[in-house]
Amino acid sequence: LGEMDAKLLQKIEELTLYTIQQQKQIEVLLEQNKKQQEEIDQLKKQ
């Protein structure tokens, strides 16, 4: 049972790190999207 708990804890840690990495990627993409939308808005005004 202890071995199973250790494996599950390791998997939880891996998934948590993966989730954190995904969140950072989402933030980068949102920032890029925001900049692109600002550029589009500027071009529309011209």
PDB file of N, CA and C in Angstrom:
ATOM      1  N   LEU A   1       0.837  -1.203   0.000  1.00  0.00           N
ATOM      2  CA  LEU A   1       0.000   0.000   0.000  1.00  0.00           C
ATOM      3  C   LEU A   1       0.872   1.252   0.000  1.00  0.00           C
ATOM      4  N   GLY A   2       1.958   1.229   0.735  1.00  0.00           N
ATOM      5  CA  GLY A   2       2.858   2.383   0.784  1.00  0.00           C
ATOM      6  C   GLY A   2       3.457   2.683  -0.576  1.00  0.00           C
ATOM      7  N   GLU A   3       3.780   1.625  -1.310  1.00  0.00           N
ATOM      8  CA  GLU A   3       4.352   1.804  -2.650  1.00  0.00           C
ATOM      9  C   GLU A   3       3.320   2.441  -3.585  1.00  0.00           C
ATOM     10  N   MET A   4       2.085   2.012  -3.475  1.00  0.00           N
ATOM     11  CA  MET A   4       1.018   2.581  -4.305  1.00  0.00           C
ATOM     12  C   MET A   4       0.803   4.049  -3.971  1.00  0.00           C
ATOM     13  N   ASP A   5       0.818   4.373  -2.689  1.00  0.00           N
ATOM     14  CA  ASP A   5       0.667   5.776  -2.275  1.00  0.00           C
ATOM     15  C   ASP A   5       1.807   6.626  -2.826  1.00  0.00           C
ATOM     16  N   ALA A   6       3.021   6.111  -2.802  1.00  0.00           N
ATOM     17  CA  ALA A   6       4.178   6.844  -3.314  1.00  0.00           C
ATOM     18  C   ALA A   6       4.042   7.088  -4.812  1.00  0.00           C
ATOM     19  N   LYS A   7       3.574   6.097  -5.541  1.00  0.00           N
ATOM     20  CA  LYS A   7       3.378   6.245  -6.988  1.00  0.00           C
ATOM     21  C   LYS A   7       2.290   7.266  -7.287  1.00  0.00           C
ATOM     22  N   LEU A   8       1.213   7.209  -6.522  1.00  0.00           N
ATOM     23  CA  LEU A   8       0.125   8.165  -6.720  1.00  0.00           C
ATOM     24  C   LEU A   8       0.586   9.588  -6.400  1.00  0.00           C
ATOM     25  N   LEU A   9       1.345   9.748  -5.342  1.00  0.00           N
ATOM     26  CA  LEU A   9       1.859  11.067  -4.980  1.00  0.00           C
ATOM     27  C   LEU A   9       2.777  11.599  -6.073  1.00  0.00           C
ATOM     28  N   GLN A  10       3.625  10.730  -6.614  1.00  0.00           N
ATOM     29  CA  GLN A  10       4.521  11.137  -7.698  1.00  0.00           C
ATOM     30  C   GLN A  10       3.702  11.581  -8.911  1.00  0.00           C
ATOM     31  N   LYS A  11       2.665  10.839  -9.239  1.00  0.00           N
ATOM     32  CA  LYS A  11       1.825  11.186 -10.386  1.00  0.00           C
ATOM     33  C   LYS A  11       1.115  12.509 -10.149  1.00  0.00           C
ATOM     34  N   ILE A  12       0.638  12.733  -8.933  1.00  0.00           N
ATOM     35  CA  ILE A  12      -0.016  14.004  -8.599  1.00  0.00           C
ATOM     36  C   ILE A  12       0.973  15.156  -8.768  1.00  0.00           C
ATOM     37  N   GLU A  13       2.198  14.963  -8.313  1.00  0.00           N
ATOM     38  CA  GLU A  13       3.217  16.002  -8.455  1.00  0.00           C
ATOM     39  C   GLU A  13       3.510  16.281  -9.924  1.00  0.00           C
ATOM     40  N   GLU A  14       3.604  15.229 -10.741  1.00  0.00           N
ATOM     41  CA  GLU A  14       3.856  15.402 -12.172  1.00  0.00           C
ATOM     42  C   GLU A  14       2.715  16.167 -12.836  1.00  0.00           C
ATOM     43  N   LEU A  15       1.498  15.792 -12.509  1.00  0.00           N
ATOM     44  CA  LEU A  15       0.341  16.457 -13.103  1.00  0.00           C
ATOM     45  C   LEU A  15       0.226  17.909 -12.640  1.00  0.00           C
ATOM     46  N   THR A  16       0.590  18.165 -11.397  1.00  0.00           N
ATOM     47  CA  THR A  16       0.574  19.531 -10.886  1.00  0.00           C
ATOM     48  C   THR A  16       1.584  20.388 -11.634  1.00  0.00           C
ATOM     49  N   LEU A  17       2.792  19.867 -11.834  1.00  0.00           N
ATOM     50  CA  LEU A  17       3.806  20.614 -12.583  1.00  0.00           C
ATOM     51  C   LEU A  17       3.357  20.842 -14.020  1.00  0.00           C
ATOM     52  N   TYR A  18       2.736  19.837 -14.617  1.00  0.00           N
ATOM     53  CA  TYR A  18       2.242  19.959 -15.983  1.00  0.00           C
ATOM     54  C   TYR A  18       1.163  21.044 -16.060  1.00  0.00           C
ATOM     55  N   THR A  19       0.287  21.083 -15.076  1.00  0.00           N
ATOM     56  CA  THR A  19      -0.776  22.085 -15.032  1.00  0.00           C
ATOM     57  C   THR A  19      -0.193  23.488 -14.895  1.00  0.00           C
ATOM     58  N   ILE A  20       0.826  23.635 -14.059  1.00  0.00           N
ATOM     59  CA  ILE A  20       1.483  24.931 -13.893  1.00  0.00           C
ATOM     60  C   ILE A  20       2.117  25.369 -15.204  1.00  0.00           C
ATOM     61  N   GLN A  21       2.759  24.437 -15.894  1.00  0.00           N
ATOM     62  CA  GLN A  21       3.378  24.745 -17.186  1.00  0.00           C
ATOM     63  C   GLN A  21       2.318  25.175 -18.203  1.00  0.00           C
ATOM     64  N   GLN A  22       1.208  24.483 -18.232  1.00  0.00           N
ATOM     65  CA  GLN A  22       0.127  24.840 -19.148  1.00  0.00           C
ATOM     66  C   GLN A  22      -0.412  26.234 -18.835  1.00  0.00           C
ATOM     67  N   GLN A  23      -0.549  26.546 -17.560  1.00  0.00           N
ATOM     68  CA  GLN A  23      -1.065  27.863 -17.169  1.00  0.00           C
ATOM     69  C   GLN A  23      -0.123  28.965 -17.641  1.00  0.00           C
ATOM     70  N   LYS A  24       1.195  28.729 -17.528  1.00  0.00           N
ATOM     71  CA  LYS A  24       2.164  29.715 -18.007  1.00  0.00           C
ATOM     72  C   LYS A  24       2.044  29.900 -19.517  1.00  0.00           C
ATOM     73  N   GLN A  25       1.844  28.804 -20.246  1.00  0.00           N
ATOM     74  CA  GLN A  25       1.679  28.893 -21.698  1.00  0.00           C
ATOM     75  C   GLN A  25       0.401  29.653 -22.051  1.00  0.00           C
ATOM     76  N   ILE A  26      -0.657  29.423 -21.311  1.00  0.00           N
ATOM     77  CA  ILE A  26      -1.917  30.138 -21.537  1.00  0.00           C
ATOM     78  C   ILE A  26      -1.707  31.634 -21.331  1.00  0.00           C
ATOM     79  N   GLU A  27      -0.983  32.007 -20.291  1.00  0.00           N
ATOM     80  CA  GLU A  27      -0.737  33.420 -20.017  1.00  0.00           C
ATOM     81  C   GLU A  27       0.057  34.063 -21.149  1.00  0.00           C
ATOM     82  N   VAL A  28       1.060  33.354 -21.668  1.00  0.00           N
ATOM     83  CA  VAL A  28       1.848  33.863 -22.790  1.00  0.00           C
ATOM     84  C   VAL A  28       0.959  34.056 -24.017  1.00  0.00           C
ATOM     85  N   LEU A  29       0.127  33.055 -24.309  1.00  0.00           N
ATOM     86  CA  LEU A  29      -0.757  33.144 -25.461  1.00  0.00           C
ATOM     87  C   LEU A  29      -1.787  34.262 -25.311  1.00  0.00           C
ATOM     88  N   LEU A  30      -2.291  34.449 -24.128  1.00  0.00           N
ATOM     89  CA  LEU A  30      -3.241  35.537 -23.900  1.00  0.00           C
ATOM     90  C   LEU A  30      -2.584  36.892 -24.120  1.00  0.00           C
ATOM     91  N   GLU A  31      -1.357  37.026 -23.681  1.00  0.00           N
ATOM     92  CA  GLU A  31      -0.628  38.284 -23.876  1.00  0.00           C
ATOM     93  C   GLU A  31      -0.372  38.524 -25.367  1.00  0.00           C
ATOM     94  N   GLN A  32       0.019  37.476 -26.077  1.00  0.00           N
ATOM     95  CA  GLN A  32       0.228  37.609 -27.521  1.00  0.00           C
ATOM     96  C   GLN A  32      -1.078  37.989 -28.219  1.00  0.00           C
ATOM     97  N   ASN A  33      -2.151  37.365 -27.815  1.00  0.00           N
ATOM     98  CA  ASN A  33      -3.458  37.658 -28.395  1.00  0.00           C
ATOM     99  C   ASN A  33      -3.840  39.113 -28.153  1.00  0.00           C
ATOM    100  N   LYS A  34      -3.588  39.584 -26.962  1.00  0.00           N
ATOM    101  CA  LYS A  34      -3.900  40.974 -26.617  1.00  0.00           C
ATOM    102  C   LYS A  34      -3.106  41.939 -27.501  1.00  0.00           C
ATOM    103  N   LYS A  35      -1.823  41.667 -27.682  1.00  0.00           N
ATOM    104  CA  LYS A  35      -0.986  42.527 -28.520  1.00  0.00           C
ATOM    105  C   LYS A  35      -1.451  42.498 -29.971  1.00  0.00           C
ATOM    106  N   GLN A  36      -1.808  41.332 -30.456  1.00  0.00           N
ATOM    107  CA  GLN A  36      -2.282  41.216 -31.832  1.00  0.00           C
ATOM    108  C   GLN A  36      -3.601  41.963 -32.017  1.00  0.00           C
ATOM    109  N   GLN A  37      -4.463  41.884 -31.031  1.00  0.00           N
ATOM    110  CA  GLN A  37      -5.744  42.580 -31.127  1.00  0.00           C
ATOM    111  C   GLN A  37      -5.520  44.087 -31.123  1.00  0.00           C
ATOM    112  N   GLU A  38      -4.569  44.552 -30.329  1.00  0.00           N
ATOM    113  CA  GLU A  38      -4.248  45.978 -30.320  1.00  0.00           C
ATOM    114  C   GLU A  38      -3.716  46.419 -31.675  1.00  0.00           C
ATOM    115  N   GLU A  39      -2.878  45.588 -32.298  1.00  0.00           N
ATOM    116  CA  GLU A  39      -2.349  45.907 -33.621  1.00  0.00           C
ATOM    117  C   GLU A  39      -3.478  45.931 -34.662  1.00  0.00           C
ATOM    118  N   ILE A  40      -4.392  44.985 -34.578  1.00  0.00           N
ATOM    119  CA  ILE A  40      -5.532  44.950 -35.489  1.00  0.00           C
ATOM    120  C   ILE A  40      -6.370  46.220 -35.330  1.00  0.00           C
ATOM    121  N   ASP A  41      -6.613  46.600 -34.095  1.00  0.00           N
ATOM    122  CA  ASP A  41      -7.406  47.811 -33.824  1.00  0.00           C
ATOM    123  C   ASP A  41      -6.718  49.045 -34.392  1.00  0.00           C
ATOM    124  N   GLN A  42      -5.409  49.109 -34.258  1.00  0.00           N
ATOM    125  CA  GLN A  42      -4.659  50.244 -34.808  1.00  0.00           C
ATOM    126  C   GLN A  42      -4.751  50.273 -36.328  1.00  0.00           C
ATOM    127  N   LEU A  43      -4.637  49.127 -36.956  1.00  0.00           N
ATOM    128  CA  LEU A  43      -4.723  49.071 -38.417  1.00  0.00           C
ATOM    129  C   LEU A  43      -6.114  49.437 -38.921  1.00  0.00           C
ATOM    130  N   LYS A  44      -7.143  49.087 -38.174  1.00  0.00           N
ATOM    131  CA  LYS A  44      -8.499  49.429 -38.563  1.00  0.00           C
ATOM    132  C   LYS A  44      -8.732  50.942 -38.518  1.00  0.00           C
ATOM    133  N   LYS A  45      -8.043  51.610 -37.623  1.00  0.00           N
ATOM    134  CA  LYS A  45      -8.219  53.051 -37.474  1.00  0.00           C
ATOM    135  C   LYS A  45      -7.571  53.821 -38.625  1.00  0.00           C
ATOM    136  N   GLN A  46      -6.635  53.199 -39.310  1.00  0.00           N
ATOM    137  CA  GLN A  46      -5.933  53.900 -40.389  1.00  0.00           C
ATOM    138  C   GLN A  46      -6.755  54.012 -41.636  1.00  0.00           C
TER     139      GLN A  46
END
